[in-house]
Amino acid sequence: MTETGDVAVLGRLYQVIESRRGGDPEQSYVARLFRKGTPKLAQKVGEEAVEAVIAASLLHQDELIDESADLLFHLLVLWADLGVRPEQVWAELERREGISGVDEKKQRARE
């Protein structure tokens, strides 16, 4: 896998998610998620994160891969719901690149 390919698949998925906004909840799982509202979407992201943590704790690599995909998918739906574009998140990650985690946390504590 290439770095471009990895990010590109998330961008394409985000576009599909955006295209489902306002769609028929009987025909689209994403439309059904949007209809449930932000609190339920956030809850779903939390559930998927917990499932990923459990898979990792049990050292189940295949399950962790599946749950990670579910987590990323639902996180993208939540981003779309709140108007957060993947490029904004990538830009924040790039901003943090090369900054130690300790220094980054100190900087956030001062803000």
N, C-alpha and C. Protein backbone atom coordinates (compact mmCIF):
# COMPACT_ATOMS: atom_id res chain seq x y z
N MET A 1 0.85 -1.19 0.00
CA MET A 1 0.00 0.00 0.00
C MET A 1 0.88 1.24 0.00
N THR A 2 0.45 2.23 -0.73
CA THR A 2 1.19 3.48 -0.75
C THR A 2 0.53 4.47 0.19
N GLU A 3 1.29 5.47 0.62
CA GLU A 3 0.70 6.51 1.48
C GLU A 3 -0.44 7.20 0.76
N THR A 4 -0.26 7.49 -0.52
CA THR A 4 -1.31 8.16 -1.28
C THR A 4 -2.56 7.31 -1.32
N GLY A 5 -2.39 6.01 -1.56
CA GLY A 5 -3.54 5.11 -1.61
C GLY A 5 -4.27 5.03 -0.30
N ASP A 6 -3.53 5.01 0.80
CA ASP A 6 -4.16 4.92 2.11
C ASP A 6 -5.07 6.11 2.38
N VAL A 7 -4.55 7.29 2.14
CA VAL A 7 -5.33 8.51 2.37
C VAL A 7 -6.43 8.63 1.32
N ALA A 8 -6.14 8.23 0.11
CA ALA A 8 -7.12 8.36 -0.97
C ALA A 8 -8.37 7.54 -0.70
N VAL A 9 -8.23 6.36 -0.16
CA VAL A 9 -9.41 5.54 0.11
C VAL A 9 -10.31 6.22 1.15
N LEU A 10 -9.72 6.87 2.13
CA LEU A 10 -10.53 7.59 3.12
C LEU A 10 -11.23 8.79 2.48
N GLY A 11 -10.55 9.47 1.58
CA GLY A 11 -11.18 10.58 0.88
C GLY A 11 -12.35 10.12 0.02
N ARG A 12 -12.16 9.00 -0.68
CA ARG A 12 -13.26 8.47 -1.51
C ARG A 12 -14.43 8.04 -0.64
N LEU A 13 -14.13 7.38 0.47
CA LEU A 13 -15.19 6.96 1.38
C LEU A 13 -15.94 8.16 1.93
N TYR A 14 -15.22 9.21 2.28
CA TYR A 14 -15.85 10.43 2.78
C TYR A 14 -16.81 11.01 1.73
N GLN A 15 -16.41 11.00 0.47
CA GLN A 15 -17.27 11.50 -0.60
C GLN A 15 -18.54 10.66 -0.71
N VAL A 16 -18.42 9.35 -0.60
CA VAL A 16 -19.60 8.48 -0.63
C VAL A 16 -20.51 8.81 0.55
N ILE A 17 -19.92 8.96 1.73
CA ILE A 17 -20.70 9.30 2.92
C ILE A 17 -21.45 10.61 2.69
N GLU A 18 -20.76 11.62 2.20
CA GLU A 18 -21.40 12.91 1.93
C GLU A 18 -22.55 12.75 0.93
N SER A 19 -22.39 11.89 -0.04
CA SER A 19 -23.44 11.71 -1.06
C SER A 19 -24.68 11.04 -0.49
N ARG A 20 -24.55 10.41 0.65
CA ARG A 20 -25.70 9.73 1.27
C ARG A 20 -26.51 10.65 2.19
N ARG A 21 -25.98 11.85 2.44
CA ARG A 21 -26.69 12.80 3.31
C ARG A 21 -28.05 13.10 2.68
N GLY A 22 -29.10 13.00 3.48
CA GLY A 22 -30.44 13.27 2.99
C GLY A 22 -31.03 12.13 2.18
N GLY A 23 -30.30 11.02 2.11
CA GLY A 23 -30.78 9.86 1.36
C GLY A 23 -31.88 9.12 2.11
N ASP A 24 -32.34 8.07 1.50
CA ASP A 24 -33.41 7.24 2.06
C ASP A 24 -32.83 6.29 3.10
N PRO A 25 -33.21 6.43 4.36
CA PRO A 25 -32.70 5.54 5.41
C PRO A 25 -33.05 4.08 5.20
N GLU A 26 -34.08 3.82 4.39
CA GLU A 26 -34.43 2.43 4.07
C GLU A 26 -33.45 1.83 3.09
N GLN A 27 -32.76 2.68 2.34
CA GLN A 27 -31.84 2.22 1.29
C GLN A 27 -30.37 2.42 1.65
N SER A 28 -30.09 3.25 2.65
CA SER A 28 -28.71 3.60 2.95
C SER A 28 -28.46 3.59 4.45
N TYR A 29 -27.48 2.78 4.86
CA TYR A 29 -27.07 2.74 6.26
C TYR A 29 -26.55 4.10 6.71
N VAL A 30 -25.80 4.77 5.85
CA VAL A 30 -25.25 6.08 6.19
C VAL A 30 -26.39 7.09 6.39
N ALA A 31 -27.38 7.08 5.51
CA ALA A 31 -28.52 7.98 5.67
C ALA A 31 -29.22 7.70 7.00
N ARG A 32 -29.30 6.43 7.37
CA ARG A 32 -29.91 6.06 8.65
C ARG A 32 -29.09 6.63 9.81
N LEU A 33 -27.77 6.54 9.70
CA LEU A 33 -26.92 7.10 10.75
C LEU A 33 -27.10 8.61 10.87
N PHE A 34 -27.09 9.31 9.73
CA PHE A 34 -27.30 10.76 9.76
C PHE A 34 -28.63 11.10 10.43
N ARG A 35 -29.66 10.36 10.13
CA ARG A 35 -30.99 10.64 10.68
C ARG A 35 -31.01 10.49 12.20
N LYS A 36 -30.18 9.63 12.73
CA LYS A 36 -30.17 9.40 14.19
C LYS A 36 -29.60 10.59 14.95
N GLY A 37 -28.79 11.41 14.28
CA GLY A 37 -28.28 12.62 14.92
C GLY A 37 -26.89 12.46 15.51
N THR A 38 -26.30 13.60 15.79
CA THR A 38 -24.91 13.66 16.25
C THR A 38 -24.65 12.86 17.53
N PRO A 39 -25.49 12.98 18.57
CA PRO A 39 -25.19 12.20 19.79
C PRO A 39 -25.12 10.69 19.53
N LYS A 40 -26.02 10.17 18.72
CA LYS A 40 -26.00 8.74 18.41
C LYS A 40 -24.79 8.37 17.56
N LEU A 41 -24.41 9.27 16.63
CA LEU A 41 -23.21 9.03 15.83
C LEU A 41 -21.98 8.98 16.72
N ALA A 42 -21.88 9.91 17.64
CA ALA A 42 -20.74 9.95 18.56
C ALA A 42 -20.71 8.68 19.42
N GLN A 43 -21.87 8.25 19.86
CA GLN A 43 -21.97 7.02 20.65
C GLN A 43 -21.48 5.83 19.84
N LYS A 44 -21.86 5.78 18.57
CA LYS A 44 -21.45 4.68 17.69
C LYS A 44 -19.93 4.67 17.52
N VAL A 45 -19.31 5.84 17.39
CA VAL A 45 -17.85 5.92 17.29
C VAL A 45 -17.23 5.35 18.58
N GLY A 46 -17.80 5.71 19.71
CA GLY A 46 -17.30 5.19 20.99
C GLY A 46 -17.42 3.68 21.08
N GLU A 47 -18.55 3.14 20.63
CA GLU A 47 -18.75 1.69 20.64
C GLU A 47 -17.70 0.99 19.77
N GLU A 48 -17.47 1.55 18.59
CA GLU A 48 -16.49 0.94 17.68
C GLU A 48 -15.08 1.04 18.27
N ALA A 49 -14.78 2.13 18.95
CA ALA A 49 -13.46 2.28 19.59
C ALA A 49 -13.27 1.23 20.68
N VAL A 50 -14.31 1.02 21.47
CA VAL A 50 -14.24 0.00 22.53
C VAL A 50 -14.04 -1.38 21.92
N GLU A 51 -14.74 -1.67 20.84
CA GLU A 51 -14.57 -2.97 20.19
C GLU A 51 -13.15 -3.15 19.66
N ALA A 52 -12.56 -2.08 19.15
CA ALA A 52 -11.16 -2.14 18.69
C ALA A 52 -10.22 -2.38 19.87
N VAL A 53 -10.47 -1.72 20.97
CA VAL A 53 -9.64 -1.89 22.16
C VAL A 53 -9.74 -3.33 22.68
N ILE A 54 -10.92 -3.88 22.70
CA ILE A 54 -11.10 -5.26 23.16
C ILE A 54 -10.34 -6.22 22.25
N ALA A 55 -10.47 -6.04 20.94
CA ALA A 55 -9.76 -6.91 20.00
C ALA A 55 -8.25 -6.81 20.21
N ALA A 56 -7.76 -5.60 20.42
CA ALA A 56 -6.33 -5.42 20.64
C ALA A 56 -5.90 -6.05 21.96
N SER A 57 -6.70 -5.88 23.00
CA SER A 57 -6.37 -6.45 24.30
C SER A 57 -6.29 -7.97 24.26
N LEU A 58 -7.11 -8.56 23.39
CA LEU A 58 -7.12 -10.02 23.24
C LEU A 58 -6.09 -10.50 22.21
N LEU A 59 -5.34 -9.54 21.65
CA LEU A 59 -4.32 -9.83 20.64
C LEU A 59 -4.91 -10.50 19.40
N HIS A 60 -6.13 -10.12 19.06
CA HIS A 60 -6.82 -10.65 17.87
C HIS A 60 -6.61 -9.68 16.71
N GLN A 61 -5.55 -9.89 15.98
CA GLN A 61 -5.16 -8.95 14.92
C GLN A 61 -6.23 -8.82 13.84
N ASP A 62 -6.81 -9.93 13.38
CA ASP A 62 -7.84 -9.85 12.34
C ASP A 62 -9.06 -9.07 12.81
N GLU A 63 -9.46 -9.31 14.06
CA GLU A 63 -10.60 -8.56 14.61
C GLU A 63 -10.24 -7.09 14.77
N LEU A 64 -9.01 -6.81 15.16
CA LEU A 64 -8.58 -5.41 15.30
C LEU A 64 -8.64 -4.71 13.95
N ILE A 65 -8.24 -5.39 12.89
CA ILE A 65 -8.31 -4.81 11.56
C ILE A 65 -9.76 -4.49 11.21
N ASP A 66 -10.66 -5.45 11.43
CA ASP A 66 -12.09 -5.24 11.13
C ASP A 66 -12.66 -4.10 11.96
N GLU A 67 -12.38 -4.09 13.24
CA GLU A 67 -12.92 -3.06 14.12
C GLU A 67 -12.32 -1.70 13.82
N SER A 68 -11.06 -1.68 13.42
CA SER A 68 -10.43 -0.41 13.03
C SER A 68 -11.11 0.18 11.80
N ALA A 69 -11.43 -0.68 10.84
CA ALA A 69 -12.15 -0.21 9.65
C ALA A 69 -13.52 0.34 10.04
N ASP A 70 -14.22 -0.36 10.93
CA ASP A 70 -15.52 0.13 11.41
C ASP A 70 -15.37 1.47 12.11
N LEU A 71 -14.33 1.59 12.94
CA LEU A 71 -14.09 2.84 13.67
C LEU A 71 -13.82 3.99 12.71
N LEU A 72 -12.94 3.77 11.75
CA LEU A 72 -12.65 4.83 10.77
C LEU A 72 -13.88 5.22 9.99
N PHE A 73 -14.66 4.24 9.56
CA PHE A 73 -15.88 4.52 8.81
C PHE A 73 -16.83 5.40 9.63
N HIS A 74 -17.10 4.99 10.86
CA HIS A 74 -18.05 5.74 11.68
C HIS A 74 -17.50 7.11 12.07
N LEU A 75 -16.19 7.21 12.24
CA LEU A 75 -15.57 8.51 12.51
C LEU A 75 -15.75 9.44 11.31
N LEU A 76 -15.60 8.92 10.10
CA LEU A 76 -15.83 9.72 8.89
C LEU A 76 -17.28 10.19 8.82
N VAL A 77 -18.21 9.34 9.20
CA VAL A 77 -19.63 9.75 9.21
C VAL A 77 -19.83 10.88 10.21
N LEU A 78 -19.23 10.76 11.39
CA LEU A 78 -19.34 11.81 12.40
C LEU A 78 -18.71 13.11 11.90
N TRP A 79 -17.54 13.01 11.28
CA TRP A 79 -16.92 14.21 10.71
C TRP A 79 -17.86 14.88 9.72
N ALA A 80 -18.42 14.08 8.81
CA ALA A 80 -19.32 14.64 7.79
C ALA A 80 -20.52 15.30 8.45
N ASP A 81 -21.04 14.67 9.48
CA ASP A 81 -22.20 15.23 10.19
C ASP A 81 -21.88 16.60 10.77
N LEU A 82 -20.66 16.78 11.25
CA LEU A 82 -20.27 18.03 11.89
C LEU A 82 -19.54 18.99 10.95
N GLY A 83 -19.42 18.60 9.68
CA GLY A 83 -18.78 19.49 8.71
C GLY A 83 -17.27 19.51 8.79
N VAL A 84 -16.69 18.50 9.39
CA VAL A 84 -15.23 18.38 9.46
C VAL A 84 -14.77 17.63 8.22
N ARG A 85 -13.84 18.21 7.48
CA ARG A 85 -13.31 17.60 6.27
C ARG A 85 -12.04 16.82 6.61
N PRO A 86 -11.84 15.68 5.99
CA PRO A 86 -10.62 14.91 6.27
C PRO A 86 -9.35 15.74 6.11
N GLU A 87 -9.34 16.65 5.13
CA GLU A 87 -8.15 17.47 4.91
C GLU A 87 -7.81 18.31 6.13
N GLN A 88 -8.82 18.70 6.91
CA GLN A 88 -8.57 19.47 8.12
C GLN A 88 -7.83 18.61 9.16
N VAL A 89 -8.22 17.36 9.25
CA VAL A 89 -7.57 16.45 10.20
C VAL A 89 -6.15 16.14 9.73
N TRP A 90 -5.99 15.90 8.42
CA TRP A 90 -4.65 15.63 7.89
C TRP A 90 -3.74 16.84 8.16
N ALA A 91 -4.28 18.03 7.98
CA ALA A 91 -3.48 19.25 8.20
C ALA A 91 -3.05 19.35 9.67
N GLU A 92 -3.94 18.99 10.57
CA GLU A 92 -3.60 19.02 12.00
C GLU A 92 -2.52 17.98 12.31
N LEU A 93 -2.64 16.80 11.71
CA LEU A 93 -1.61 15.78 11.91
C LEU A 93 -0.27 16.24 11.35
N GLU A 94 -0.29 16.89 10.20
CA GLU A 94 0.95 17.42 9.62
C GLU A 94 1.54 18.51 10.51
N ARG A 95 0.67 19.34 11.09
CA ARG A 95 1.15 20.39 11.99
C ARG A 95 1.88 19.78 13.18
N ARG A 96 1.39 18.66 13.65
CA ARG A 96 1.98 18.00 14.82
C ARG A 96 3.19 17.14 14.48
N GLU A 97 3.39 16.87 13.21
CA GLU A 97 4.49 16.01 12.80
C GLU A 97 5.82 16.59 13.26
N GLY A 98 6.62 15.75 13.88
CA GLY A 98 7.93 16.20 14.34
C GLY A 98 7.91 16.85 15.71
N ILE A 99 6.72 17.00 16.30
CA ILE A 99 6.61 17.56 17.65
C ILE A 99 6.43 16.39 18.60
N SER A 100 7.21 16.36 19.66
CA SER A 100 7.06 15.25 20.60
C SER A 100 5.69 15.33 21.26
N GLY A 101 5.16 14.18 21.61
CA GLY A 101 3.87 14.12 22.27
C GLY A 101 3.85 14.89 23.57
N VAL A 102 4.95 14.84 24.29
CA VAL A 102 5.06 15.56 25.56
C VAL A 102 4.97 17.06 25.32
N ASP A 103 5.72 17.57 24.33
CA ASP A 103 5.69 19.00 24.03
C ASP A 103 4.32 19.43 23.53
N GLU A 104 3.69 18.60 22.70
CA GLU A 104 2.37 18.93 22.15
C GLU A 104 1.34 19.04 23.26
N LYS A 105 1.38 18.13 24.23
CA LYS A 105 0.44 18.17 25.35
C LYS A 105 0.68 19.41 26.22
N LYS A 106 1.94 19.77 26.42
CA LYS A 106 2.26 20.98 27.19
C LYS A 106 1.69 22.21 26.48
N GLN A 107 1.83 22.25 25.16
CA GLN A 107 1.32 23.39 24.39
C GLN A 107 -0.19 23.49 24.52
N ARG A 108 -0.89 22.37 24.45
CA ARG A 108 -2.35 22.38 24.59
C ARG A 108 -2.78 22.81 25.98
N ALA A 109 -2.02 22.44 26.99
CA ALA A 109 -2.35 22.79 28.37
C ALA A 109 -2.27 24.30 28.58
N ARG A 110 -1.39 24.98 27.82
CA ARG A 110 -1.26 26.43 27.95
C ARG A 110 -2.37 27.18 27.23
N GLU A 111 -3.05 26.54 26.32
CA GLU A 111 -4.08 27.23 25.50
C GLU A 111 -5.38 27.35 26.23
